[in-house]
Amino acid sequence: MASGLPVIAADTPVNREILGNEGPTACALFFPVGDAKALRRLIEMLIHAPIVRAEMGRYGLKRSAQFSWERCAQEVMAILREVAR
């Protein structure tokens, strides 16, 4: 995602949280956990859809800009401070 590439991920809560939901500005496509046929269909679709790949890549760059190690560290420290009270 941070490299400007489309993402195909298993449809799990954590992947939905990080990658966002599907829609017109999606950077990821989701397949049911353990469904190899669905994964294959999504890979094949992206192989034959260069415009979709490019759009998803652009959206992925925007989405990944919302995350940083600095922000992660700040959020962890805030939790630790709260627990220490």
Foldseek 3Di string as FASTA:
>chain_A
DLVLWAEEEEPDPVCCVLQPDDDPQGLYHYDHPPPVVVVVVVVVVCVPDVVVGNSSSVSRNVSCVVDDPVVVVVVVVVVVVVVVD
